[in-house]
Amino acid sequence: MIRLSEKRLPALALVALLAGCASSPEVDHSSRYTLKQDRAPSGSFDATGLADAVPRYEAPRTAGNKSPYTVWGKRYHVLDSNEGYVQRGTASWYGEKFHGHKTSNGEIFDMYAMSAAHKSLQIPGYARVTNLDNGRSVIVRVNDRGPFHGDRLIDLSYAAAKKLGYQSHGTARVEVAAITIRPDGRMFLAGAPFGPAGTASPEVSSKPAATVPAPGDALFVQLGAFSQRDPAEAMRERLKGVLENPVRVREITTDNGRFHRVQVGPFNNEVDARYAQDLLESRGFRQSIVLTDSH
């Protein structure tokens, strides 16, 4: 179990801090919580049918976005914009101790909602969080600050952590990609057009030239190159069910002879290709490279 009282500033102190009050983060405000240490809710909680947060445009606010701010002697800066943000690191979670208390922007924390705390993303905001060990993804609404323990990247609500499958481990290796929404409803994931269900937005899919890379520009994850076709086909069979992306065996002739390359793709950008590569490596396909169609 994670001792979140050691890694997150109590919400009341952080709200006061981000509002510019004189409260010191070194002051112990833990008496405002019923629990001294965080914990998961008692009983059984099924997160399988829990819906992701639904991104929507929200006008910028001042609450929770004071920058820079200082916690336990360390200074943090809030991003001017979440546009294009994508980073990998360690995720933790917080639950019953903070349930029902205020988040950094004054909202009420609900451990059963799809929400998160982040040190630098503008709040409220949205992000897709992917567990790099099992490939599961969730969309969360970021409305809190933290975690301030070690080098952890993001704190998810208990529900979001359970949906990602790491609530019993405490932490997980994740990728956090910001979702930004324009006033006209257009949505972007780490700067690329994005749809509510995690697919390309209708606007972009209606323009093939914008989504289909030019010949030679598409990216593939290559898992092996064989002089004979049979082992290449065997590897392609092994890949069935691992990813939804197409798998091909590409035959090429080089100065060193003829080879059969096993490749997953195409991918429109490096973010998607690298994510697929990490997922494949977690499933045992560890000898992979990312290359273009022309290589």
Protein backbone atom coordinates (compact mmCIF):
# COMPACT_ATOMS: atom_id res chain seq x y z
CA MET A 1 0.00 0.00 0.00
CA ILE A 2 1.27 3.44 -0.84
CA ARG A 3 1.77 5.85 2.04
CA LEU A 4 0.34 8.82 0.25
CA SER A 5 0.57 11.06 3.29
CA GLU A 6 4.32 11.02 2.64
CA LYS A 7 4.13 11.84 -1.06
CA ARG A 8 1.25 14.27 -1.55
CA LEU A 9 0.76 17.64 0.04
CA PRO A 10 -2.61 17.67 1.83
CA ALA A 11 -5.13 19.32 -0.43
CA LEU A 12 -6.02 22.17 1.94
CA ALA A 13 -2.40 23.27 2.24
CA LEU A 14 -1.91 23.15 -1.51
CA VAL A 15 -5.11 25.09 -2.22
CA ALA A 16 -3.90 27.81 0.13
CA LEU A 17 -0.45 27.72 -1.40
CA LEU A 18 -1.65 28.01 -4.98
CA ALA A 19 -3.97 30.85 -3.98
CA GLY A 20 -0.93 32.79 -2.80
CA CYS A 21 -1.61 32.50 0.95
CA ALA A 22 1.16 32.43 3.54
CA SER A 23 0.61 28.83 4.64
CA SER A 24 3.86 26.86 4.76
CA PRO A 25 3.91 23.42 3.11
CA GLU A 26 5.99 22.18 6.03
CA VAL A 27 3.01 22.60 8.38
CA ASP A 28 1.32 19.32 9.22
CA HIS A 29 -2.33 19.52 8.17
CA SER A 30 -2.91 15.76 8.30
CA SER A 31 -5.26 16.09 11.30
CA ARG A 32 -7.99 17.25 8.90
CA TYR A 33 -8.13 13.71 7.48
CA THR A 34 -9.84 10.83 9.26
CA LEU A 35 -7.11 8.45 8.09
CA LYS A 36 -3.38 8.93 8.68
CA GLN A 37 -2.44 6.65 5.80
CA ASP A 38 -4.19 6.20 2.50
CA ARG A 39 -5.86 2.95 1.54
CA ALA A 40 -8.14 1.32 -0.99
CA PRO A 41 -11.89 1.27 -0.28
CA SER A 42 -13.17 -1.71 1.64
CA GLY A 43 -15.18 -4.34 -0.18
CA SER A 44 -15.19 -5.16 -3.85
CA PHE A 45 -15.17 -2.49 -6.54
CA ASP A 46 -15.62 -3.50 -10.17
CA ALA A 47 -13.99 -0.98 -12.51
CA THR A 48 -14.41 -2.96 -15.73
CA GLY A 49 -17.54 -1.08 -16.80
CA LEU A 50 -16.38 2.32 -15.57
CA ALA A 51 -16.44 4.87 -18.37
CA ASP A 52 -13.47 7.11 -19.10
CA ALA A 53 -13.65 10.82 -18.46
CA VAL A 54 -15.20 12.57 -21.46
CA PRO A 55 -12.96 15.43 -22.62
CA ARG A 56 -14.71 18.73 -23.24
CA TYR A 57 -13.60 22.30 -23.68
CA GLU A 58 -13.19 24.16 -20.40
CA ALA A 59 -12.09 27.77 -20.31
CA PRO A 60 -8.75 28.38 -18.52
CA ARG A 61 -9.05 29.10 -14.81
CA THR A 62 -6.80 30.61 -12.18
CA ALA A 63 -7.70 28.10 -9.45
CA GLY A 64 -4.88 25.61 -9.02
CA ASN A 65 -2.71 27.12 -11.76
CA LYS A 66 -0.47 29.52 -9.82
CA SER A 67 3.03 29.31 -11.28
CA PRO A 68 5.60 28.90 -9.99
CA TYR A 69 4.62 27.25 -6.71
CA THR A 70 6.72 25.66 -4.00
CA VAL A 71 6.08 22.43 -2.10
CA TRP A 72 8.42 21.18 0.61
CA GLY A 73 11.15 23.51 -0.57
CA LYS A 74 10.97 22.53 -4.22
CA ARG A 75 9.70 24.86 -6.92
CA TYR A 76 7.33 23.69 -9.67
CA HIS A 77 6.10 25.42 -12.83
CA VAL A 78 2.69 24.98 -14.46
CA LEU A 79 2.77 24.64 -18.24
CA ASP A 80 1.56 27.58 -20.29
CA SER A 81 -0.35 25.04 -22.41
CA ASN A 82 -0.95 21.27 -22.30
CA GLU A 83 -0.74 21.13 -26.09
CA GLY A 84 1.67 18.45 -27.30
CA TYR A 85 2.54 17.13 -23.83
CA VAL A 86 3.59 13.46 -23.68
CA GLN A 87 5.88 11.90 -21.11
CA ARG A 88 6.65 8.54 -19.55
CA GLY A 89 7.26 7.81 -15.90
CA THR A 90 5.83 6.26 -12.75
CA ALA A 91 2.16 6.49 -11.77
CA SER A 92 0.85 6.02 -8.25
CA TRP A 93 -2.71 6.32 -6.91
CA TYR A 94 -4.65 7.90 -4.06
CA GLY A 95 -7.92 6.83 -2.49
CA GLU A 96 -9.93 6.70 0.71
CA LYS A 97 -7.89 9.14 2.81
CA PHE A 98 -8.53 11.99 0.35
CA HIS A 99 -12.03 10.92 -0.75
CA GLY A 100 -14.50 13.77 -0.21
CA HIS A 101 -11.82 16.43 0.35
CA LYS A 102 -10.96 19.33 -1.92
CA THR A 103 -8.54 19.05 -4.81
CA SER A 104 -6.10 21.82 -5.70
CA ASN A 105 -8.65 23.67 -7.84
CA GLY A 106 -11.36 23.47 -5.20
CA GLU A 107 -13.32 20.50 -6.56
CA ILE A 108 -14.16 17.45 -4.47
CA PHE A 109 -11.97 14.40 -4.91
CA ASP A 110 -13.89 11.23 -5.76
CA MET A 111 -11.76 8.07 -5.70
CA TYR A 112 -14.39 6.32 -7.86
CA ALA A 113 -14.14 8.93 -10.64
CA MET A 114 -11.65 8.95 -13.50
CA SER A 115 -9.40 11.74 -12.27
CA ALA A 116 -5.74 12.47 -11.61
CA ALA A 117 -3.18 14.79 -10.03
CA HIS A 118 -0.21 16.18 -11.95
CA LYS A 119 2.50 18.65 -11.00
CA SER A 120 2.64 20.75 -14.16
CA LEU A 121 -0.35 20.21 -16.48
CA GLN A 122 -2.90 23.02 -16.61
CA ILE A 123 -5.98 22.11 -14.55
CA PRO A 124 -8.62 21.18 -15.22
CA GLY A 125 -7.32 19.21 -18.18
CA TYR A 126 -7.50 15.75 -19.69
CA ALA A 127 -4.95 13.05 -20.43
CA ARG A 128 -4.72 9.54 -21.79
CA VAL A 129 -2.73 7.35 -19.41
CA THR A 130 -1.38 4.05 -20.72
CA ASN A 131 0.02 1.26 -18.56
CA LEU A 132 3.14 0.30 -20.51
CA ASP A 133 3.26 -3.15 -18.88
CA ASN A 134 -0.14 -4.35 -20.09
CA GLY A 135 -1.20 -1.87 -22.79
CA ARG A 136 -4.38 -0.72 -21.02
CA SER A 137 -5.36 2.94 -21.40
CA VAL A 138 -7.76 5.27 -19.62
CA ILE A 139 -8.76 8.89 -20.09
CA VAL A 140 -8.75 10.95 -16.91
CA ARG A 141 -9.62 14.49 -15.92
CA VAL A 142 -6.67 16.21 -14.24
CA ASN A 143 -7.94 18.42 -11.42
CA ASP A 144 -5.32 18.15 -8.67
CA ARG A 145 -1.64 18.76 -7.97
CA GLY A 146 0.91 16.05 -7.10
CA PRO A 147 2.45 13.61 -6.58
CA PHE A 148 5.36 15.23 -4.76
CA HIS A 149 7.08 12.01 -3.71
CA GLY A 150 10.27 11.05 -5.54
CA ASP A 151 10.15 11.18 -9.30
CA ARG A 152 6.56 10.03 -9.74
CA LEU A 153 4.84 11.53 -12.75
CA ILE A 154 1.11 11.28 -12.01
CA ASP A 155 -1.30 10.25 -9.26
CA LEU A 156 -4.48 8.53 -10.46
CA SER A 157 -7.69 8.02 -8.56
CA TYR A 158 -8.12 4.53 -7.13
CA ALA A 159 -10.72 3.73 -9.81
CA ALA A 160 -8.45 4.76 -12.67
CA ALA A 161 -5.55 2.77 -11.21
CA LYS A 162 -7.73 -0.31 -10.87
CA LYS A 163 -8.92 0.02 -14.45
CA LEU A 164 -5.27 0.14 -15.52
CA GLY A 165 -4.60 -2.95 -13.42
CA TYR A 166 -1.95 -1.70 -11.00
CA GLN A 167 -3.91 -0.86 -7.84
CA SER A 168 -2.50 -3.87 -5.97
CA HIS A 169 1.10 -3.04 -6.98
CA GLY A 170 0.92 0.61 -5.94
CA THR A 171 2.77 2.00 -8.96
CA ALA A 172 3.09 1.36 -12.69
CA ARG A 173 5.18 2.48 -15.63
CA VAL A 174 2.94 4.71 -17.75
CA GLU A 175 2.77 7.12 -20.63
CA VAL A 176 0.82 10.34 -20.06
CA ALA A 177 -0.40 12.14 -23.19
CA ALA A 178 -2.35 15.36 -22.79
CA ILE A 179 -5.71 15.75 -24.52
CA THR A 180 -6.54 19.32 -25.48
CA ILE A 181 -9.89 20.56 -26.74
CA ARG A 182 -10.49 23.70 -28.77
CA PRO A 183 -13.60 25.87 -28.24
CA ASP A 184 -15.03 24.48 -31.51
CA GLY A 185 -14.79 20.92 -30.14
CA ARG A 186 -11.72 19.76 -32.06
CA MET A 187 -9.63 17.42 -29.97
CA PHE A 188 -5.89 16.70 -29.96
CA LEU A 189 -3.81 13.99 -28.29
CA ALA A 190 -0.21 15.11 -27.66
CA GLY A 191 -0.74 17.60 -30.50
CA ALA A 192 -2.21 15.11 -33.01
CA PRO A 193 -5.92 15.08 -34.04
CA PHE A 194 -7.88 12.73 -31.82
CA GLY A 195 -11.44 11.42 -31.42
CA PRO A 196 -13.40 10.80 -28.19
CA ALA A 197 -13.06 7.02 -28.46
CA GLY A 198 -9.33 7.11 -29.06
CA THR A 199 -9.57 7.03 -32.83
CA ALA A 200 -8.75 9.59 -35.48
CA SER A 201 -11.25 12.44 -35.47
CA PRO A 202 -13.89 12.50 -38.26
CA GLU A 203 -12.47 15.76 -39.57
CA VAL A 204 -9.08 14.18 -40.15
CA SER A 205 -10.28 10.79 -41.38
CA SER A 206 -12.24 12.58 -44.10
CA LYS A 207 -8.97 13.95 -45.46
CA PRO A 208 -6.83 10.97 -46.50
CA ALA A 209 -3.88 13.17 -47.44
CA ALA A 210 -3.65 14.35 -43.82
CA THR A 211 -3.74 10.92 -42.22
CA VAL A 212 -2.15 8.57 -44.74
CA PRO A 213 1.62 9.12 -44.85
CA ALA A 214 3.25 9.57 -48.20
CA PRO A 215 5.11 6.51 -49.57
CA GLY A 216 8.33 6.10 -47.65
CA ASP A 217 7.14 8.25 -44.72
CA ALA A 218 5.06 5.65 -42.85
CA LEU A 219 6.61 4.16 -39.72
CA PHE A 220 6.79 0.44 -38.93
CA VAL A 221 8.00 -1.58 -35.97
CA GLN A 222 10.23 -4.33 -37.33
CA LEU A 223 10.56 -7.46 -35.19
CA GLY A 224 12.79 -9.63 -37.31
CA ALA A 225 14.39 -10.27 -40.71
CA PHE A 226 14.76 -13.81 -42.04
CA SER A 227 16.45 -15.25 -45.11
CA GLN A 228 13.60 -17.80 -45.38
CA ARG A 229 9.91 -16.97 -45.50
CA ASP A 230 8.67 -19.76 -43.18
CA PRO A 231 10.11 -18.37 -39.91
CA ALA A 232 8.85 -14.92 -40.87
CA GLU A 233 5.33 -16.29 -41.35
CA ALA A 234 5.63 -18.15 -38.05
CA MET A 235 6.44 -14.89 -36.27
CA ARG A 236 3.51 -13.19 -37.95
CA GLU A 237 1.24 -15.94 -36.58
CA ARG A 238 2.65 -15.39 -33.08
CA LEU A 239 1.76 -11.72 -33.35
CA LYS A 240 -1.94 -12.37 -33.97
CA GLY A 241 -3.94 -11.12 -31.00
CA VAL A 242 -1.04 -9.16 -29.51
CA LEU A 243 -1.92 -5.95 -31.35
CA GLU A 244 -4.83 -4.81 -33.49
CA ASN A 245 -2.42 -3.23 -35.97
CA PRO A 246 -1.71 -5.02 -39.27
CA VAL A 247 1.35 -7.26 -39.51
CA ARG A 248 3.12 -7.83 -42.80
CA VAL A 249 6.03 -9.85 -44.13
CA ARG A 250 7.92 -7.61 -46.51
CA GLU A 251 10.34 -9.26 -48.92
CA ILE A 252 13.32 -7.16 -49.99
CA THR A 253 16.56 -7.80 -51.83
CA THR A 254 19.77 -6.22 -50.59
CA ASP A 255 23.46 -6.54 -51.41
CA ASN A 256 23.59 -9.26 -48.75
CA GLY A 257 20.76 -11.29 -50.22
CA ARG A 258 16.97 -11.63 -49.95
CA PHE A 259 15.25 -11.06 -46.59
CA HIS A 260 11.72 -11.36 -45.21
CA ARG A 261 11.03 -8.59 -42.72
CA VAL A 262 8.25 -8.94 -40.14
CA GLN A 263 6.77 -5.49 -39.56
CA VAL A 264 3.84 -4.02 -37.60
CA GLY A 265 2.20 -0.90 -38.98
CA PRO A 266 1.95 1.52 -40.62
CA PHE A 267 1.91 4.26 -37.96
CA ASN A 268 1.28 7.92 -38.71
CA ASN A 269 3.66 9.28 -36.08
CA GLU A 270 6.53 8.27 -33.83
CA VAL A 271 4.45 8.44 -30.63
CA ASP A 272 2.14 5.66 -31.85
CA ALA A 273 5.04 3.61 -33.21
CA ARG A 274 7.02 3.85 -29.98
CA TYR A 275 3.95 2.93 -27.92
CA ALA A 276 3.44 -0.19 -30.05
CA GLN A 277 7.13 -1.03 -29.74
CA ASP A 278 6.98 -0.82 -25.93
CA LEU A 279 3.86 -2.96 -25.83
CA LEU A 280 5.45 -5.58 -28.08
CA GLU A 281 8.57 -5.66 -25.94
CA SER A 282 6.44 -6.18 -22.82
CA ARG A 283 4.92 -9.22 -24.56
CA GLY A 284 8.31 -10.79 -25.25
CA PHE A 285 9.22 -9.31 -28.66
CA ARG A 286 12.38 -7.57 -27.48
CA GLN A 287 14.45 -7.28 -30.67
CA SER A 288 12.59 -4.51 -32.49
CA ILE A 289 13.41 -1.30 -34.32
CA VAL A 290 11.31 1.58 -35.65
CA LEU A 291 11.95 2.44 -39.30
CA THR A 292 10.29 4.07 -42.28
CA ASP A 293 8.80 2.26 -45.22
CA SER A 294 11.74 3.28 -47.37
CA HIS A 295 14.35 1.56 -45.20
